[in-house]
C-alpha atoms as a PDB file:
ATOM      1  CA  MET A   1     -11.418  -4.906   6.153  1.00  0.00           C
ATOM      2  CA  VAL A   2      -9.078  -1.946   6.591  1.00  0.00           C
ATOM      3  CA  LYS A   3      -9.985   1.295   4.830  1.00  0.00           C
ATOM      4  CA  PHE A   4      -7.804   4.383   4.537  1.00  0.00           C
ATOM      5  CA  TYR A   5      -9.186   7.858   3.892  1.00  0.00           C
ATOM      6  CA  ASP A   6      -7.323  11.062   3.032  1.00  0.00           C
ATOM      7  CA  THR A   7      -9.822  13.007   5.131  1.00  0.00           C
ATOM      8  CA  ILE A   8     -12.055  12.247   8.113  1.00  0.00           C
ATOM      9  CA  PRO A   9     -15.358  11.025   6.651  1.00  0.00           C
ATOM     10  CA  ASP A  10     -18.489  12.764   7.959  1.00  0.00           C
ATOM     11  CA  PHE A  11     -20.012   9.446   9.027  1.00  0.00           C
ATOM     12  CA  VAL A  12     -17.084   8.773  11.397  1.00  0.00           C
ATOM     13  CA  VAL A  13     -17.337  12.045  13.376  1.00  0.00           C
ATOM     14  CA  PRO A  14     -20.396  11.142  15.516  1.00  0.00           C
ATOM     15  CA  TRP A  15     -18.795   7.784  16.357  1.00  0.00           C
ATOM     16  CA  LEU A  16     -15.527   9.473  17.406  1.00  0.00           C
ATOM     17  CA  LYS A  17     -17.400  11.859  19.683  1.00  0.00           C
ATOM     18  CA  ALA A  18     -19.420   9.006  21.227  1.00  0.00           C
ATOM     19  CA  GLN A  19     -16.326   7.183  22.500  1.00  0.00           C
ATOM     20  CA  LYS A  20     -15.297   7.537  26.134  1.00  0.00           C
ATOM     21  CA  VAL A  21     -11.555   7.145  25.661  1.00  0.00           C
ATOM     22  CA  PHE A  22      -8.891   7.463  22.983  1.00  0.00           C
ATOM     23  CA  TRP A  23      -5.144   6.967  22.858  1.00  0.00           C
ATOM     24  CA  VAL A  24      -2.421   9.349  21.741  1.00  0.00           C
ATOM     25  CA  ALA A  25       0.811   7.821  20.428  1.00  0.00           C
ATOM     26  CA  THR A  26       4.096   9.594  19.709  1.00  0.00           C
ATOM     27  CA  ALA A  27       7.695   8.477  19.278  1.00  0.00           C
ATOM     28  CA  PRO A  28      11.133  10.078  19.176  1.00  0.00           C
ATOM     29  CA  LEU A  29      13.247  10.038  16.032  1.00  0.00           C
ATOM     30  CA  THR A  30      15.976   7.928  17.642  1.00  0.00           C
ATOM     31  CA  GLY A  31      15.606   4.332  18.758  1.00  0.00           C
ATOM     32  CA  GLU A  32      16.898   5.317  22.190  1.00  0.00           C
ATOM     33  CA  GLY A  33      13.677   6.877  23.496  1.00  0.00           C
ATOM     34  CA  HIS A  34      10.338   5.313  24.331  1.00  0.00           C
ATOM     35  CA  VAL A  35       7.287   5.102  22.139  1.00  0.00           C
ATOM     36  CA  ASN A  36       4.658   6.902  24.194  1.00  0.00           C
ATOM     37  CA  VAL A  37       1.010   5.779  24.223  1.00  0.00           C
ATOM     38  CA  SER A  38      -1.292   7.707  26.547  1.00  0.00           C
ATOM     39  CA  PRO A  39      -4.983   7.041  27.227  1.00  0.00           C
ATOM     40  CA  LYS A  40      -7.184  10.138  27.208  1.00  0.00           C
ATOM     41  CA  GLY A  41     -10.735  10.371  28.501  1.00  0.00           C
ATOM     42  CA  ILE A  42     -13.304  12.276  26.476  1.00  0.00           C
ATOM     43  CA  PHE A  43     -15.186  14.899  28.440  1.00  0.00           C
ATOM     44  CA  GLU A  44     -17.502  17.582  27.107  1.00  0.00           C
ATOM     45  CA  GLY A  45     -15.450  19.909  24.955  1.00  0.00           C
ATOM     46  CA  ASN A  46     -11.966  18.385  25.278  1.00  0.00           C
ATOM     47  CA  PHE A  47     -11.945  16.702  21.830  1.00  0.00           C
ATOM     48  CA  CYS A  48     -13.042  18.488  18.673  1.00  0.00           C
ATOM     49  CA  VAL A  49     -13.139  17.693  14.972  1.00  0.00           C
ATOM     50  CA  VAL A  50     -12.366  21.069  13.389  1.00  0.00           C
ATOM     51  CA  ASP A  51     -12.707  20.030   9.762  1.00  0.00           C
ATOM     52  CA  GLU A  52     -12.078  17.030   7.514  1.00  0.00           C
ATOM     53  CA  LYS A  53      -8.308  17.177   8.170  1.00  0.00           C
ATOM     54  CA  SER A  54      -8.002  18.715  11.638  1.00  0.00           C
ATOM     55  CA  VAL A  55      -8.779  17.703  15.207  1.00  0.00           C
ATOM     56  CA  TRP A  56      -7.607  18.937  18.576  1.00  0.00           C
ATOM     57  CA  TYR A  57      -7.764  17.695  22.128  1.00  0.00           C
ATOM     58  CA  GLU A  58      -7.132  19.397  25.436  1.00  0.00           C
ATOM     59  CA  ASP A  59      -4.788  17.392  27.640  1.00  0.00           C
ATOM     60  CA  LEU A  60      -6.481  17.627  31.031  1.00  0.00           C
ATOM     61  CA  THR A  61      -4.503  14.971  32.917  1.00  0.00           C
ATOM     62  CA  GLY A  62      -0.993  13.623  33.102  1.00  0.00           C
ATOM     63  CA  SER A  63       2.326  15.369  32.729  1.00  0.00           C
ATOM     64  CA  GLY A  64       2.326  15.357  28.927  1.00  0.00           C
ATOM     65  CA  VAL A  65       6.079  15.845  28.986  1.00  0.00           C
ATOM     66  CA  GLU A  66       6.950  12.879  26.773  1.00  0.00           C
ATOM     67  CA  THR A  67       4.159  13.574  24.277  1.00  0.00           C
ATOM     68  CA  ILE A  68       5.045  17.244  23.881  1.00  0.00           C
ATOM     69  CA  SER A  69       8.767  16.427  23.698  1.00  0.00           C
ATOM     70  CA  HIS A  70       8.164  14.069  20.779  1.00  0.00           C
ATOM     71  CA  LEU A  71       5.860  16.556  19.058  1.00  0.00           C
ATOM     72  CA  ARG A  72       8.445  19.311  19.325  1.00  0.00           C
ATOM     73  CA  GLU A  73      11.096  16.966  17.958  1.00  0.00           C
ATOM     74  CA  ASN A  74       9.234  15.625  14.933  1.00  0.00           C
ATOM     75  CA  GLY A  75       5.532  16.571  15.028  1.00  0.00           C
ATOM     76  CA  ARG A  76       4.277  13.013  14.429  1.00  0.00           C
ATOM     77  CA  ILE A  77       1.183  11.825  16.300  1.00  0.00           C
ATOM     78  CA  THR A  78      -1.434   9.095  16.023  1.00  0.00           C
ATOM     79  CA  VAL A  79      -4.786   9.334  17.784  1.00  0.00           C
ATOM     80  CA  MET A  80      -6.598   5.992  18.074  1.00  0.00           C
ATOM     81  CA  PHE A  81     -10.227   5.341  18.979  1.00  0.00           C
ATOM     82  CA  THR A  82     -11.595   1.883  19.815  1.00  0.00           C
ATOM     83  CA  ALA A  83     -15.218   0.792  20.205  1.00  0.00           C
ATOM     84  CA  PHE A  84     -16.064  -0.746  23.572  1.00  0.00           C
ATOM     85  CA  ASP A  85     -19.785  -0.919  22.802  1.00  0.00           C
ATOM     86  CA  GLY A  86     -21.420  -2.324  19.692  1.00  0.00           C
ATOM     87  CA  PRO A  87     -19.560  -3.910  16.799  1.00  0.00           C
ATOM     88  CA  PRO A  88     -15.746  -3.902  16.736  1.00  0.00           C
ATOM     89  CA  ARG A  89     -14.314  -0.729  15.257  1.00  0.00           C
ATOM     90  CA  ILE A  90     -10.972   1.056  15.356  1.00  0.00           C
ATOM     91  CA  CYS A  91     -10.149   4.447  13.890  1.00  0.00           C
ATOM     92  CA  ARG A  92      -6.635   5.852  13.716  1.00  0.00           C
ATOM     93  CA  LEU A  93      -5.983   9.484  12.887  1.00  0.00           C
ATOM     94  CA  PHE A  94      -2.410   9.888  11.636  1.00  0.00           C
ATOM     95  CA  GLY A  95      -1.130  13.424  11.680  1.00  0.00           C
ATOM     96  CA  LYS A  96       1.061  16.216  12.935  1.00  0.00           C
ATOM     97  CA  GLY A  97       0.815  18.053  16.206  1.00  0.00           C
END
């Protein structure tokens, strides 16, 4: 069953950090541009949960041009984690970048 939280629960943080990949999704305001979904690998120190409402990641690969263009236009971003090991689990972090 789907659950929504206003903050990142403490019990989710270790699971987020244990994943090997996550996806970053952004979109332009107009229907003319592309929705951009980019896979990101997790390496030591490139993804961090700052507090219950803040995370950051360091973009180590790819051009990042479309992602940063969308963020500058409207600031909207979704970061999605998916379990590849163990029971099925998905976590989406909706926010601003």
